[in-house]
Structures are given as C-alpha cells and as structure tokens.
Amino acid sequence: MRKNTYPEAPLQTKMKKHLSLIFGLILCLGSAILPASHVSAATNQAVIGMPFAGKWAWNASVMQPYPPYVDSCPSGASNCAGFSSHPSVHHTPGAGDWATDVYAAEGTAVKLDVTYQTGTTLTFSWKSVTSCGQSTAVNVIVDGTTVGWIYFAHINSAVTTGAITNGMTLGTVHDWGANCNPGVHVHTEFKNTTNHSCYADNGAPGVTLAYGDNLAVLGSNNTAAQDACTSIPVSGGGGIPHGTTTIGAYDPATAYFYERNSNTGGGADWSPQFGNANWIPIAGDWDNNGTVTPGVYDPTTATFYLRESNTTGPADIAFQYGNANWIPIA
C-alpha cells in the first residue's frame, strides 16, 4: 500500500525546530535552569567580637521578665533605668540591621575585633558617620568585597583616619552626659551589604562578656533585621587571635612608652608618659579584662605602679614587692 505523505506547514516546521532547541538546552544545562529559589549563592562572612570585656544589652537588671524584650520607657515612668537595649529591639539610628549598647568602665579601649573570616584576605576602610559625642565606623572587606560595616557611637578619642588594623583601638568608652544618650556605654550597630547582619545571642541584658566573645556576623544570610544568627562560622581564614602581643619600646630617659598595635615597623600608635626616668617598664592584663596595659617598677623602692587602661594618668594600683634593685616580671 502506498503511504500518503503531505507537506508540513511552515508553522509546524518552526515549532519542531524550537522544541528541539529547548530539549537540547535542558540536556546541556541540567540543574542550571532550576528556579532561582533552589540556588544558594555562598557569601563571605566575618565574625565580629566584643570590643572590650564588659556587659552587653544593658548594664543593670531589667525591670520585667525577658523575653520578650522592649526598648522603650513606659509613659509616665519615673525611672527608665534597666530597660533593654537587646539587639532584637534596640533602635538603629545609623540605619543598620541591628544594634545594641555595650558597657565598660570610663576610658576602656574600644577595639576593632574580627576573629576570623571565611575568605583569605581581610581588609578595612573608613565609613563616614555622625552621632552625638564622637563616633567611628569601619567597612569590613573580605577578598576584596565589602561584606558590611560596624559603627561605634558615643565614644571618646574616636579614630576616623589613617591605617586600619585588626585589633586597633578606635576610641574609648565615655559618658557624654544628659544631651547625648547618658551613661557610660557604646552604641554598636551592624549592617550587611546584602541580606542582613545577625547577632550572636548572648542572653539576657546585662550578661558579662569577655573581650572578643562573638557579637555579630557580617555577610550572614539572615533574611530579616534584628534577628539572631542561625549559625556562626567557627573556622576559616585569619582574623585576630586574642592574646596576641605586639611590640613597643620605652625611653628610660623620658619615661615615654611607644607602642604599636601590630608587629610591623612604623610610628607609634600610642605614646603615653608613665612613671619616672630610669624606672623599669612592664605590661600585663592587671584587671583580667582582656586588655594588656602598662606598668612601671621603681627599682630603688621596689614599688610597682600599674595602669588598668591604655590612657595617660596616675597609677591605678601601687604596692611594694621584693627588694631594691631586683628585676620585675609579669
């Protein structure tokens, strides 16, 4: 029997060609054409630590059970002390993803602390900010990409220019008085470049943390602001190992210290005068707050003079120990 054949219409020919092309793309691309919701893009992250040893979220007992947390003083209240600055509720005047207040003694050094990052290189740049009192902000850059920024407000002696090194002092804790969020505290605020920065949930307001304890993750994949971190990186490239000792020098003729925040050549990052000529310099963490501070020893009287902060001033601790002309150690 003769098979009947009919010429294909032009439209049918075109449809066959288009279907063949689509089928070929499916075979070649496979999962690459899955919906976007099935694709997860990895981002570099950096873990930010507490800038000093102190309390987070509030420096006094709160007046009501937590959670839930609130960040406002009730109308008509005679005393607002004790209300939470927990990061799930604290205000963000710098337009960050979240913020909290951290607390330490007046004059405590506020340090840039990035414990590690997931990429291979960690660098920083300055970000312009303003607040009452003094403030500073730093962009955190991993492998050449800015993952976010950290903002310190209401500090004193704020550093806003020059080289930025991990672990450097950015200012000191200060109380600017009634017209500037009174109380000895530092407002800390964080912002991701994409998604949202998250906070390490350290519990109820007033919990005491050590210098470098986890505070925030920049580059986290959180999908909402003022949220706790679902995970915190525990390994990766670099960062500042806490307890790192950096170099310094002491001029016995003038009793000046010349200290560096990194083990590199260059000018002094801090140069206070402390003690008298020809005394012997020492250094240590005299008050167990995670910060090494200076001391001097008078060999003629066997007296130690110790400072508990990296600021110029008189000794916080003074006592005799040993005999004249012995050699001090710490």
Protein backbone atom coordinates (compact mmCIF):
# COMPACT_ATOMS: atom_id res chain seq x y z
CA MET A 1 0.00 0.00 0.00
CA ARG A 2 1.28 3.38 -0.84
CA LYS A 3 1.80 5.64 2.17
CA ASN A 4 0.22 9.02 1.80
CA THR A 5 2.54 11.97 2.51
CA TYR A 6 1.61 15.55 2.92
CA PRO A 7 3.92 18.57 3.07
CA GLU A 8 4.32 20.11 6.55
CA ALA A 9 3.00 23.58 7.07
CA PRO A 10 5.69 26.23 7.70
CA LEU A 11 4.38 26.77 11.27
CA GLN A 12 4.79 23.08 12.15
CA THR A 13 8.38 23.11 10.92
CA LYS A 14 9.23 26.12 13.07
CA MET A 15 7.65 24.56 16.18
CA LYS A 16 9.68 21.38 15.76
CA LYS A 17 12.91 23.36 15.49
CA HIS A 18 12.08 25.38 18.63
CA LEU A 19 11.20 22.27 20.61
CA SER A 20 14.47 20.60 19.56
CA LEU A 21 16.47 23.61 20.73
CA ILE A 22 14.70 23.72 24.10
CA PHE A 23 15.20 19.98 24.64
CA GLY A 24 18.90 20.34 23.81
CA LEU A 25 19.31 23.16 26.33
CA ILE A 26 17.68 21.06 29.04
CA LEU A 27 20.12 18.22 28.37
CA CYS A 28 23.13 20.55 28.40
CA LEU A 29 22.24 22.79 31.33
CA GLY A 30 20.52 20.29 33.57
CA SER A 31 20.01 21.75 37.06
CA ALA A 32 21.26 25.17 35.97
CA ILE A 33 17.74 26.06 34.81
CA LEU A 34 16.12 25.23 38.16
CA PRO A 35 14.12 28.06 39.66
CA ALA A 36 16.24 30.68 41.46
CA SER A 37 14.84 29.65 44.85
CA HIS A 38 16.75 26.36 44.53
CA VAL A 39 20.11 28.04 44.02
CA SER A 40 22.16 29.11 47.04
CA ALA A 41 24.98 31.58 46.47
CA ALA A 42 27.77 31.44 49.04
CA THR A 43 28.90 34.72 50.57
CA ASN A 44 32.00 35.53 52.57
CA GLN A 45 31.46 36.24 56.25
CA ALA A 46 33.34 37.92 59.09
CA VAL A 47 32.72 37.37 62.79
CA ILE A 48 32.91 40.49 64.96
CA GLY A 49 33.87 40.15 68.61
CA MET A 50 33.12 42.25 71.70
CA PRO A 51 35.32 45.38 71.54
CA PHE A 52 36.26 45.01 75.23
CA ALA A 53 35.41 42.95 78.30
CA GLY A 54 32.10 44.23 79.64
CA LYS A 55 28.33 43.87 79.61
CA TRP A 56 26.05 43.76 76.64
CA ALA A 57 22.47 44.93 76.08
CA TRP A 58 22.13 46.77 79.41
CA ASN A 59 24.29 47.47 82.45
CA ALA A 60 21.63 46.94 85.12
CA SER A 61 18.97 44.41 85.98
CA VAL A 62 15.88 44.75 83.81
CA MET A 63 12.54 45.61 85.38
CA GLN A 64 10.42 42.94 83.74
CA PRO A 65 10.91 39.32 82.66
CA TYR A 66 12.63 38.71 79.30
CA PRO A 67 11.99 37.68 76.62
CA PRO A 68 10.11 39.37 75.09
CA TYR A 69 12.40 42.38 75.01
CA VAL A 70 11.35 46.01 74.74
CA ASP A 71 13.39 49.12 74.13
CA SER A 72 11.22 51.95 75.40
CA CYS A 73 10.44 53.59 78.69
CA PRO A 74 6.72 53.41 79.54
CA SER A 75 4.90 56.71 79.50
CA GLY A 76 4.85 58.25 82.97
CA ALA A 77 7.63 56.08 84.38
CA SER A 78 9.77 57.93 86.93
CA ASN A 79 12.91 55.89 86.25
CA CYS A 80 13.81 54.34 82.91
CA ALA A 81 16.96 52.61 84.20
CA GLY A 82 17.01 48.93 83.41
CA PHE A 83 15.17 48.91 80.10
CA SER A 84 16.66 46.66 77.50
CA SER A 85 18.88 47.53 74.58
CA HIS A 86 18.69 43.90 73.45
CA PRO A 87 19.51 43.73 69.71
CA SER A 88 16.11 42.28 68.84
CA VAL A 89 14.54 45.64 69.69
CA HIS A 90 17.21 48.33 70.03
CA HIS A 91 16.90 51.39 67.82
CA THR A 92 19.16 51.75 64.76
CA PRO A 93 19.80 55.47 64.11
CA GLY A 94 22.60 54.57 61.71
CA ALA A 95 20.18 52.52 59.54
CA GLY A 96 21.88 49.26 60.49
CA ASP A 97 20.36 45.79 60.55
CA TRP A 98 20.52 45.71 64.35
CA ALA A 99 22.18 47.48 67.27
CA THR A 100 22.86 47.18 70.98
CA ASP A 101 24.69 49.04 73.73
CA VAL A 102 27.80 47.55 75.34
CA TYR A 103 29.22 48.69 78.66
CA ALA A 104 32.60 49.00 80.35
CA ALA A 105 34.38 51.46 82.64
CA GLU A 106 35.08 55.03 81.56
CA GLY A 107 38.22 55.15 79.42
CA THR A 108 38.18 51.48 78.39
CA ALA A 109 39.71 50.98 74.94
CA VAL A 110 37.20 50.16 72.18
CA LYS A 111 38.92 47.77 69.77
CA LEU A 112 38.19 46.55 66.25
CA ASP A 113 37.91 42.81 66.70
CA VAL A 114 37.39 40.48 63.73
CA THR A 115 38.08 36.98 64.97
CA TYR A 116 38.06 35.28 61.57
CA GLN A 117 36.59 35.45 58.10
CA THR A 118 35.63 32.82 55.56
CA GLY A 119 37.78 34.22 52.75
CA THR A 120 41.55 34.50 52.50
CA THR A 121 42.14 38.25 52.87
CA LEU A 122 40.73 40.70 55.39
CA THR A 123 40.95 44.47 54.92
CA PHE A 124 39.11 47.55 56.13
CA SER A 125 38.13 51.07 55.09
CA TRP A 126 36.60 54.03 56.90
CA LYS A 127 32.90 54.82 56.67
CA SER A 128 31.66 58.36 57.30
CA VAL A 129 29.18 58.64 60.20
CA THR A 130 27.95 61.19 62.73
CA SER A 131 26.42 60.98 66.19
CA CYS A 132 26.29 62.97 69.39
CA GLY A 133 29.63 62.81 71.12
CA GLN A 134 32.14 61.13 68.81
CA SER A 135 31.78 58.09 66.58
CA THR A 136 33.55 55.99 64.01
CA ALA A 137 32.61 53.26 61.53
CA VAL A 138 34.59 50.69 59.60
CA ASN A 139 33.77 48.75 56.43
CA VAL A 140 34.82 45.09 56.64
CA ILE A 141 36.18 43.73 53.36
CA VAL A 142 36.73 40.02 52.66
CA ASP A 143 38.57 39.02 49.49
CA GLY A 144 38.05 42.48 48.04
CA THR A 145 34.27 42.59 48.65
CA THR A 146 32.69 44.69 51.38
CA VAL A 147 30.52 42.35 53.46
CA GLY A 148 29.20 45.06 55.78
CA TRP A 149 30.09 47.71 58.35
CA ILE A 150 30.31 48.23 62.10
CA TYR A 151 29.52 51.55 63.79
CA PHE A 152 30.62 52.70 67.27
CA ALA A 153 28.74 55.75 68.60
CA HIS A 154 29.16 58.00 71.66
CA ILE A 155 32.84 57.13 72.14
CA ASN A 156 35.70 59.45 73.04
CA SER A 157 39.03 59.97 71.21
CA ALA A 158 37.45 58.45 68.09
CA VAL A 159 39.87 57.36 65.36
CA THR A 160 38.47 58.08 61.89
CA THR A 161 41.54 58.34 59.63
CA GLY A 162 44.80 56.54 58.93
CA ALA A 163 45.66 52.90 58.55
CA ILE A 164 43.16 50.37 59.92
CA THR A 165 44.48 47.22 61.54
CA ASN A 166 42.59 44.39 63.17
CA GLY A 167 42.74 44.80 66.93
CA MET A 168 43.49 48.52 66.87
CA THR A 169 41.93 50.92 69.36
CA LEU A 170 39.17 53.00 67.74
CA GLY A 171 38.37 55.14 70.78
CA THR A 172 37.42 54.85 74.43
CA VAL A 173 34.24 54.37 76.43
CA HIS A 174 32.77 57.67 77.63
CA ASP A 175 29.67 59.25 79.17
CA TRP A 176 28.72 62.33 77.13
CA GLY A 177 26.05 63.46 79.57
CA ALA A 178 22.36 64.27 79.50
CA ASN A 179 22.26 65.60 75.95
CA CYS A 180 23.81 62.52 74.38
CA ASN A 181 22.30 59.20 75.47
CA PRO A 182 23.68 59.50 79.02
CA GLY A 183 25.57 56.73 80.73
CA VAL A 184 28.93 55.07 80.25
CA HIS A 185 28.27 52.95 77.16
CA VAL A 186 29.00 52.44 73.47
CA HIS A 187 26.23 52.11 70.89
CA THR A 188 27.24 49.37 68.43
CA GLU A 189 25.46 48.93 65.11
CA PHE A 190 25.93 46.48 62.24
CA LYS A 191 24.87 46.38 58.60
CA ASN A 192 25.28 43.78 55.84
CA THR A 193 25.91 44.77 52.24
CA THR A 194 23.42 42.07 51.19
CA ASN A 195 20.87 40.18 53.30
CA HIS A 196 21.08 41.12 56.98
CA SER A 197 23.75 41.07 59.63
CA CYS A 198 22.83 38.91 62.61
CA TYR A 199 23.69 39.00 66.31
CA ALA A 200 25.17 36.27 68.49
CA ASP A 201 22.51 35.85 71.17
CA ASN A 202 24.40 36.21 74.43
CA GLY A 203 21.31 36.01 76.58
CA ALA A 204 19.51 38.50 78.78
CA PRO A 205 20.59 42.13 79.12
CA GLY A 206 23.49 42.65 81.48
CA VAL A 207 25.39 39.44 80.71
CA THR A 208 29.14 39.94 81.11
CA LEU A 209 31.23 39.02 78.06
CA ALA A 210 34.98 38.72 77.57
CA TYR A 211 36.89 40.73 75.02
CA GLY A 212 36.43 39.03 71.64
CA ASP A 213 33.34 36.99 72.54
CA ASN A 214 31.12 36.58 69.47
CA LEU A 215 28.91 39.61 68.91
CA ALA A 216 27.92 39.72 65.24
CA VAL A 217 28.31 38.12 61.82
CA LEU A 218 28.75 40.35 58.78
CA GLY A 219 27.88 38.65 55.50
CA SER A 220 25.31 36.39 57.15
CA ASN A 221 22.38 35.16 55.08
CA ASN A 222 19.66 36.19 57.54
CA THR A 223 16.56 37.35 55.71
CA ALA A 224 15.32 39.85 58.32
CA ALA A 225 16.76 42.60 60.50
CA GLN A 226 17.19 42.35 64.30
CA ASP A 227 17.46 38.57 64.17
CA ALA A 228 19.81 36.22 65.99
CA CYS A 229 22.35 34.28 63.94
CA THR A 230 21.23 30.83 62.86
CA SER A 231 24.89 29.81 62.62
CA ILE A 232 28.29 31.39 63.32
CA PRO A 233 31.42 30.33 61.39
CA VAL A 234 33.92 28.53 63.60
CA SER A 235 36.75 28.16 61.09
CA GLY A 236 38.13 29.91 58.08
CA GLY A 237 40.87 32.31 57.20
CA GLY A 238 42.72 34.59 59.56
CA GLY A 239 41.41 37.12 61.97
CA ILE A 240 42.88 38.30 65.23
CA PRO A 241 43.93 35.64 67.73
CA HIS A 242 43.10 37.03 71.15
CA GLY A 243 46.06 37.44 73.43
CA THR A 244 48.37 38.46 70.59
CA THR A 245 51.25 40.55 71.93
CA THR A 246 52.52 43.44 69.85
CA ILE A 247 55.75 45.39 70.09
CA GLY A 248 56.59 48.54 72.00
CA ALA A 249 59.57 50.49 73.24
CA TYR A 250 60.32 52.53 76.35
CA ASP A 251 62.62 55.51 76.67
CA PRO A 252 64.09 55.39 80.24
CA ALA A 253 65.36 58.97 79.96
CA THR A 254 61.87 60.44 79.47
CA ALA A 255 59.62 57.62 80.79
CA TYR A 256 57.67 57.54 77.50
CA PHE A 257 56.15 54.34 76.10
CA TYR A 258 55.98 53.95 72.30
CA GLU A 259 53.58 51.15 71.39
CA ARG A 260 52.42 49.56 68.13
CA ASN A 261 49.08 47.84 67.52
CA SER A 262 50.70 45.41 65.08
CA ASN A 263 54.01 43.61 64.77
CA THR A 264 55.23 45.84 61.95
CA GLY A 265 57.52 48.82 61.57
CA GLY A 266 56.12 52.32 61.65
CA GLY A 267 55.21 55.12 64.00
CA ALA A 268 53.83 54.60 67.48
CA ASP A 269 50.06 54.08 67.73
CA TRP A 270 50.14 55.22 71.34
CA SER A 271 52.83 57.09 73.29
CA PRO A 272 51.93 57.92 76.90
CA GLN A 273 54.31 59.02 79.61
CA PHE A 274 54.09 56.96 82.77
CA GLY A 275 56.38 56.83 85.78
CA ASN A 276 59.73 58.49 86.27
CA ALA A 277 63.04 58.37 84.45
CA ASN A 278 65.03 55.16 84.74
CA TRP A 279 62.16 53.10 86.11
CA ILE A 280 61.63 49.68 84.51
CA PRO A 281 58.64 49.06 82.15
CA ILE A 282 56.33 46.04 82.38
CA ALA A 283 52.95 45.18 80.84
CA GLY A 284 50.08 42.87 81.69
CA ASP A 285 46.33 42.40 81.99
CA TRP A 286 46.18 43.65 85.58
CA ASP A 287 42.37 43.56 85.95
CA ASN A 288 41.59 40.47 83.83
CA ASN A 289 39.54 42.41 81.26
CA GLY A 290 41.31 41.07 78.18
CA THR A 291 43.41 44.21 77.60
CA VAL A 292 47.14 44.47 78.24
CA THR A 293 48.06 47.77 79.90
CA PRO A 294 51.35 49.32 81.07
CA GLY A 295 53.10 49.36 84.37
CA VAL A 296 56.42 50.57 85.74
CA TYR A 297 58.70 49.46 88.57
CA ASP A 298 60.81 51.74 90.72
CA PRO A 299 63.96 49.72 91.46
CA THR A 300 65.09 52.00 94.31
CA THR A 301 61.95 51.37 96.38
CA ALA A 302 60.78 48.04 94.86
CA THR A 303 57.39 49.61 94.08
CA PHE A 304 55.08 48.59 91.23
CA TYR A 305 52.82 51.22 89.58
CA LEU A 306 50.14 49.73 87.30
CA ARG A 307 47.58 51.33 84.93
CA GLU A 308 44.32 49.50 84.18
CA SER A 309 43.65 51.29 80.88
CA ASN A 310 45.68 52.42 77.89
CA THR A 311 45.33 56.06 78.80
CA THR A 312 47.62 58.64 80.34
CA GLY A 313 47.16 59.15 84.06
CA PRO A 314 48.29 58.11 87.53
CA ALA A 315 48.69 54.53 88.67
CA ASP A 316 45.50 52.62 89.44
CA ILE A 317 47.45 50.14 91.58
CA ALA A 318 50.64 50.76 93.58
CA PHE A 319 52.40 48.43 96.03
CA GLN A 320 55.83 47.29 97.16
CA TYR A 321 57.09 43.82 96.40
CA GLY A 322 60.61 42.40 96.63
CA ASN A 323 63.78 44.29 97.44
CA ALA A 324 65.51 47.28 95.91
CA ASN A 325 67.20 46.72 92.54
CA TRP A 326 65.54 43.40 91.88
CA ILE A 327 64.15 42.84 88.37
CA PRO A 328 60.35 42.93 87.83
CA ILE A 329 58.48 40.32 85.79
CA ALA A 330 54.81 39.79 84.91
